[in-house]
Amino acid sequence: MRTFLLAAAFAVAGAPVAAQTPNAPPAAGPHVILTPGAMKWGPAPPVLPAGAQIAVLDGDPGQAGPFTIRFKFPDGYKIAPHWHSMDENITVVQGTFKAGMGETLTPTGLHDFPVGSFLKMPAKAPHFAAAKGVVIVQIHGTGPFDLTYVNPKDAPPKPSAP
């Protein structure tokens, strides 16, 4: 009530009054506005099997802080059981994303998640995935984004140095 009365008193006196919202956070940075055609796709990091693509929509998934990325997987693509050191929030944008929880990828362990589905994979919880059709998933979280295979032998071979 006092704030309102002071503002009214300044307004009556002819002093400029700035609108303020108490507890409003400062602006974090510029808006990010992307249409699908403006998203730049490139090869996914080598920690994933060959064939996947990534588009970084916001932030830097390799650094501390918030990020939003999209992965595009070809039909039949599989990611062996793995975990992340941070929560992974997944939204299915295209296709049918198949996912399961646990340390062993089995066809019966995979469940279908159609467009619009949301999954949260908690930090350090083993899970696995596959694609039915061309699949695009959007992932957001707080980086750095990492991936550790349950069985290190499932990791793709490291690219050889040039």
C-alpha atoms as a PDB file:
ATOM      1  CA  MET A   1       0.000   0.000   0.000  1.00  0.00           C
ATOM      2  CA  ARG A   2       2.817   2.444   0.819  1.00  0.00           C
ATOM      3  CA  THR A   3       4.384   1.926  -2.590  1.00  0.00           C
ATOM      4  CA  PHE A   4       1.131   2.835  -4.267  1.00  0.00           C
ATOM      5  CA  LEU A   5       0.680   5.943  -2.121  1.00  0.00           C
ATOM      6  CA  LEU A   6       4.227   7.143  -2.817  1.00  0.00           C
ATOM      7  CA  ALA A   7       3.780   6.589  -6.532  1.00  0.00           C
ATOM      8  CA  ALA A   8       0.491   8.494  -6.445  1.00  0.00           C
ATOM      9  CA  ALA A   9       2.129  11.334  -4.521  1.00  0.00           C
ATOM     10  CA  PHE A  10       4.961  11.607  -7.077  1.00  0.00           C
ATOM     11  CA  ALA A  11       2.464  11.487  -9.940  1.00  0.00           C
ATOM     12  CA  VAL A  12       0.420  14.314  -8.414  1.00  0.00           C
ATOM     13  CA  ALA A  13       3.611  16.340  -7.869  1.00  0.00           C
ATOM     14  CA  GLY A  14       4.550  15.896 -11.535  1.00  0.00           C
ATOM     15  CA  ALA A  15       7.596  13.717 -10.876  1.00  0.00           C
ATOM     16  CA  PRO A  16       8.205  10.852 -13.307  1.00  0.00           C
ATOM     17  CA  VAL A  17       7.208   7.447 -11.983  1.00  0.00           C
ATOM     18  CA  ALA A  18       8.916   4.291 -13.289  1.00  0.00           C
ATOM     19  CA  ALA A  19       6.850   1.142 -13.294  1.00  0.00           C
ATOM     20  CA  GLN A  20       8.562  -1.555 -11.289  1.00  0.00           C
ATOM     21  CA  THR A  21       7.751  -5.132 -10.545  1.00  0.00           C
ATOM     22  CA  PRO A  22       9.085  -6.176  -7.171  1.00  0.00           C
ATOM     23  CA  ASN A  23      11.071  -9.404  -7.270  1.00  0.00           C
ATOM     24  CA  ALA A  24      11.302  -9.388 -11.079  1.00  0.00           C
ATOM     25  CA  PRO A  25      14.536 -11.054 -12.175  1.00  0.00           C
ATOM     26  CA  PRO A  26      16.909  -9.124 -14.393  1.00  0.00           C
ATOM     27  CA  ALA A  27      16.835  -9.986 -18.079  1.00  0.00           C
ATOM     28  CA  ALA A  28      19.022 -13.040 -18.709  1.00  0.00           C
ATOM     29  CA  GLY A  29      19.896 -12.260 -22.306  1.00  0.00           C
ATOM     30  CA  PRO A  30      18.408 -11.932 -25.751  1.00  0.00           C
ATOM     31  CA  HIS A  31      15.349 -13.839 -26.865  1.00  0.00           C
ATOM     32  CA  VAL A  32      15.984 -16.996 -28.881  1.00  0.00           C
ATOM     33  CA  ILE A  33      13.429 -17.360 -31.661  1.00  0.00           C
ATOM     34  CA  LEU A  34      13.973 -20.143 -34.209  1.00  0.00           C
ATOM     35  CA  THR A  35      11.825 -21.623 -36.920  1.00  0.00           C
ATOM     36  CA  PRO A  36      12.620 -25.220 -37.928  1.00  0.00           C
ATOM     37  CA  GLY A  37      14.371 -23.995 -41.084  1.00  0.00           C
ATOM     38  CA  ALA A  38      16.662 -21.717 -39.066  1.00  0.00           C
ATOM     39  CA  MET A  39      17.975 -24.542 -36.873  1.00  0.00           C
ATOM     40  CA  LYS A  40      21.503 -25.537 -37.846  1.00  0.00           C
ATOM     41  CA  TRP A  41      22.009 -29.302 -37.822  1.00  0.00           C
ATOM     42  CA  GLY A  42      25.380 -31.018 -37.678  1.00  0.00           C
ATOM     43  CA  PRO A  43      26.848 -34.361 -36.677  1.00  0.00           C
ATOM     44  CA  ALA A  44      26.138 -35.383 -33.078  1.00  0.00           C
ATOM     45  CA  PRO A  45      29.126 -35.644 -30.719  1.00  0.00           C
ATOM     46  CA  PRO A  46      31.177 -38.838 -31.135  1.00  0.00           C
ATOM     47  CA  VAL A  47      29.936 -40.160 -27.779  1.00  0.00           C
ATOM     48  CA  LEU A  48      26.798 -41.183 -29.730  1.00  0.00           C
ATOM     49  CA  PRO A  49      26.750 -43.815 -32.480  1.00  0.00           C
ATOM     50  CA  ALA A  50      27.264 -42.419 -35.999  1.00  0.00           C
ATOM     51  CA  GLY A  51      24.184 -41.223 -37.848  1.00  0.00           C
ATOM     52  CA  ALA A  52      22.636 -38.861 -35.296  1.00  0.00           C
ATOM     53  CA  GLN A  53      22.499 -35.109 -35.802  1.00  0.00           C
ATOM     54  CA  ILE A  54      22.345 -32.268 -33.275  1.00  0.00           C
ATOM     55  CA  ALA A  55      21.031 -28.706 -33.314  1.00  0.00           C
ATOM     56  CA  VAL A  56      21.937 -26.451 -30.385  1.00  0.00           C
ATOM     57  CA  LEU A  57      18.967 -24.153 -29.803  1.00  0.00           C
ATOM     58  CA  ASP A  58      20.131 -22.308 -26.703  1.00  0.00           C
ATOM     59  CA  GLY A  59      23.057 -22.302 -24.310  1.00  0.00           C
ATOM     60  CA  ASP A  60      26.131 -24.501 -24.532  1.00  0.00           C
ATOM     61  CA  PRO A  61      25.503 -28.126 -23.534  1.00  0.00           C
ATOM     62  CA  GLY A  62      29.233 -28.576 -22.885  1.00  0.00           C
ATOM     63  CA  GLN A  63      29.328 -25.864 -20.228  1.00  0.00           C
ATOM     64  CA  ALA A  64      27.701 -25.280 -16.845  1.00  0.00           C
ATOM     65  CA  GLY A  65      24.283 -23.668 -17.184  1.00  0.00           C
ATOM     66  CA  PRO A  66      20.968 -24.149 -18.957  1.00  0.00           C
ATOM     67  CA  PHE A  67      20.824 -25.521 -22.496  1.00  0.00           C
ATOM     68  CA  THR A  68      18.296 -26.722 -25.072  1.00  0.00           C
ATOM     69  CA  ILE A  69      19.285 -29.057 -27.901  1.00  0.00           C
ATOM     70  CA  ARG A  70      17.591 -31.282 -30.459  1.00  0.00           C
ATOM     71  CA  PHE A  71      18.775 -34.669 -31.669  1.00  0.00           C
ATOM     72  CA  LYS A  72      17.663 -36.224 -34.941  1.00  0.00           C
ATOM     73  CA  PHE A  73      17.941 -40.013 -35.174  1.00  0.00           C
ATOM     74  CA  PRO A  74      17.481 -42.146 -38.309  1.00  0.00           C
ATOM     75  CA  ASP A  75      15.006 -45.032 -38.315  1.00  0.00           C
ATOM     76  CA  GLY A  76      16.317 -48.000 -36.310  1.00  0.00           C
ATOM     77  CA  TYR A  77      18.941 -45.935 -34.434  1.00  0.00           C
ATOM     78  CA  LYS A  78      19.839 -47.286 -30.982  1.00  0.00           C
ATOM     79  CA  ILE A  79      21.650 -45.873 -27.973  1.00  0.00           C
ATOM     80  CA  ALA A  80      22.963 -48.511 -25.559  1.00  0.00           C
ATOM     81  CA  PRO A  81      22.234 -48.286 -21.825  1.00  0.00           C
ATOM     82  CA  HIS A  82      23.810 -45.161 -20.377  1.00  0.00           C
ATOM     83  CA  TRP A  83      23.316 -42.453 -17.766  1.00  0.00           C
ATOM     84  CA  HIS A  84      23.946 -38.740 -17.323  1.00  0.00           C
ATOM     85  CA  SER A  85      25.286 -36.855 -14.306  1.00  0.00           C
ATOM     86  CA  MET A  86      22.386 -34.408 -14.592  1.00  0.00           C
ATOM     87  CA  ASP A  87      18.633 -34.734 -15.157  1.00  0.00           C
ATOM     88  CA  GLU A  88      17.718 -35.148 -18.835  1.00  0.00           C
ATOM     89  CA  ASN A  89      14.361 -33.683 -19.905  1.00  0.00           C
ATOM     90  CA  ILE A  90      13.164 -35.052 -23.260  1.00  0.00           C
ATOM     91  CA  THR A  91      10.249 -33.932 -25.447  1.00  0.00           C
ATOM     92  CA  VAL A  92       9.401 -35.923 -28.584  1.00  0.00           C
ATOM     93  CA  VAL A  93       9.048 -33.553 -31.543  1.00  0.00           C
ATOM     94  CA  GLN A  94       8.874 -36.024 -34.467  1.00  0.00           C
ATOM     95  CA  GLY A  95       8.503 -39.778 -34.917  1.00  0.00           C
ATOM     96  CA  THR A  96       8.221 -42.418 -32.232  1.00  0.00           C
ATOM     97  CA  PHE A  97      10.979 -42.300 -29.624  1.00  0.00           C
ATOM     98  CA  LYS A  98      11.496 -45.635 -27.929  1.00  0.00           C
ATOM     99  CA  ALA A  99      13.014 -45.682 -24.460  1.00  0.00           C
ATOM    100  CA  GLY A 100      13.481 -48.021 -21.554  1.00  0.00           C
ATOM    101  CA  MET A 101      14.943 -47.906 -18.089  1.00  0.00           C
ATOM    102  CA  GLY A 102      17.653 -50.164 -16.778  1.00  0.00           C
ATOM    103  CA  GLU A 103      21.091 -51.498 -17.571  1.00  0.00           C
ATOM    104  CA  THR A 104      20.148 -53.897 -20.409  1.00  0.00           C
ATOM    105  CA  LEU A 105      18.588 -52.930 -23.736  1.00  0.00           C
ATOM    106  CA  THR A 106      15.941 -55.461 -24.656  1.00  0.00           C
ATOM    107  CA  PRO A 107      13.202 -55.130 -27.298  1.00  0.00           C
ATOM    108  CA  THR A 108      10.558 -55.773 -24.635  1.00  0.00           C
ATOM    109  CA  GLY A 109      12.116 -53.095 -22.419  1.00  0.00           C
ATOM    110  CA  LEU A 110      11.560 -50.396 -25.050  1.00  0.00           C
ATOM    111  CA  HIS A 111       8.335 -48.390 -24.794  1.00  0.00           C
ATOM    112  CA  ASP A 112       6.881 -46.170 -27.537  1.00  0.00           C
ATOM    113  CA  PHE A 113       6.633 -42.436 -26.924  1.00  0.00           C
ATOM    114  CA  PRO A 114       4.802 -40.582 -29.713  1.00  0.00           C
ATOM    115  CA  VAL A 115       5.046 -36.912 -30.651  1.00  0.00           C
ATOM    116  CA  GLY A 116       4.258 -34.689 -27.686  1.00  0.00           C
ATOM    117  CA  SER A 117       5.531 -37.157 -25.076  1.00  0.00           C
ATOM    118  CA  PHE A 118       7.753 -35.933 -22.240  1.00  0.00           C
ATOM    119  CA  LEU A 119      10.299 -37.999 -20.334  1.00  0.00           C
ATOM    120  CA  LYS A 120      12.529 -37.072 -17.405  1.00  0.00           C
ATOM    121  CA  MET A 121      15.549 -39.286 -16.931  1.00  0.00           C
ATOM    122  CA  PRO A 122      16.902 -38.537 -13.452  1.00  0.00           C
ATOM    123  CA  ALA A 123      20.636 -38.062 -12.958  1.00  0.00           C
ATOM    124  CA  LYS A 124      22.568 -41.350 -12.865  1.00  0.00           C
ATOM    125  CA  ALA A 125      19.488 -43.456 -13.759  1.00  0.00           C
ATOM    126  CA  PRO A 126      20.462 -45.954 -16.508  1.00  0.00           C
ATOM    127  CA  HIS A 127      18.287 -45.894 -19.605  1.00  0.00           C
ATOM    128  CA  PHE A 128      18.441 -46.736 -23.327  1.00  0.00           C
ATOM    129  CA  ALA A 129      16.750 -45.530 -26.500  1.00  0.00           C
ATOM    130  CA  ALA A 130      15.872 -46.306 -30.107  1.00  0.00           C
ATOM    131  CA  ALA A 131      14.123 -44.621 -33.034  1.00  0.00           C
ATOM    132  CA  LYS A 132      11.044 -45.799 -34.907  1.00  0.00           C
ATOM    133  CA  GLY A 133      11.026 -43.730 -38.082  1.00  0.00           C
ATOM    134  CA  VAL A 134      13.040 -40.522 -38.218  1.00  0.00           C
ATOM    135  CA  VAL A 135      12.896 -39.159 -34.663  1.00  0.00           C
ATOM    136  CA  ILE A 136      13.583 -35.681 -33.337  1.00  0.00           C
ATOM    137  CA  VAL A 137      13.760 -35.140 -29.589  1.00  0.00           C
ATOM    138  CA  GLN A 138      14.342 -31.904 -27.755  1.00  0.00           C
ATOM    139  CA  ILE A 139      16.450 -32.101 -24.609  1.00  0.00           C
ATOM    140  CA  HIS A 140      16.842 -29.395 -22.022  1.00  0.00           C
ATOM    141  CA  GLY A 141      18.671 -29.341 -18.759  1.00  0.00           C
ATOM    142  CA  THR A 142      21.535 -27.799 -16.873  1.00  0.00           C
ATOM    143  CA  GLY A 143      24.964 -28.649 -18.266  1.00  0.00           C
ATOM    144  CA  PRO A 144      27.435 -29.795 -18.772  1.00  0.00           C
ATOM    145  CA  PHE A 145      25.581 -32.527 -20.659  1.00  0.00           C
ATOM    146  CA  ASP A 146      27.446 -35.819 -20.498  1.00  0.00           C
ATOM    147  CA  LEU A 147      26.834 -39.471 -21.276  1.00  0.00           C
ATOM    148  CA  THR A 148      28.391 -42.522 -19.601  1.00  0.00           C
ATOM    149  CA  TYR A 149      27.744 -45.995 -20.998  1.00  0.00           C
ATOM    150  CA  VAL A 150      26.830 -48.677 -18.445  1.00  0.00           C
ATOM    151  CA  ASN A 151      29.143 -51.033 -20.349  1.00  0.00           C
ATOM    152  CA  PRO A 152      32.157 -49.070 -21.642  1.00  0.00           C
ATOM    153  CA  LYS A 153      32.367 -51.525 -24.575  1.00  0.00           C
ATOM    154  CA  ASP A 154      29.090 -50.025 -25.903  1.00  0.00           C
ATOM    155  CA  ALA A 155      30.743 -46.641 -26.455  1.00  0.00           C
ATOM    156  CA  PRO A 156      31.378 -45.863 -30.131  1.00  0.00           C
ATOM    157  CA  PRO A 157      35.032 -46.076 -31.146  1.00  0.00           C
ATOM    158  CA  LYS A 158      36.883 -42.810 -30.646  1.00  0.00           C
ATOM    159  CA  PRO A 159      37.595 -41.003 -33.909  1.00  0.00           C
ATOM    160  CA  SER A 160      41.188 -41.395 -35.011  1.00  0.00           C
ATOM    161  CA  ALA A 161      43.385 -38.303 -35.041  1.00  0.00           C
ATOM    162  CA  PRO A 162      44.123 -36.841 -38.495  1.00  0.00           C
END
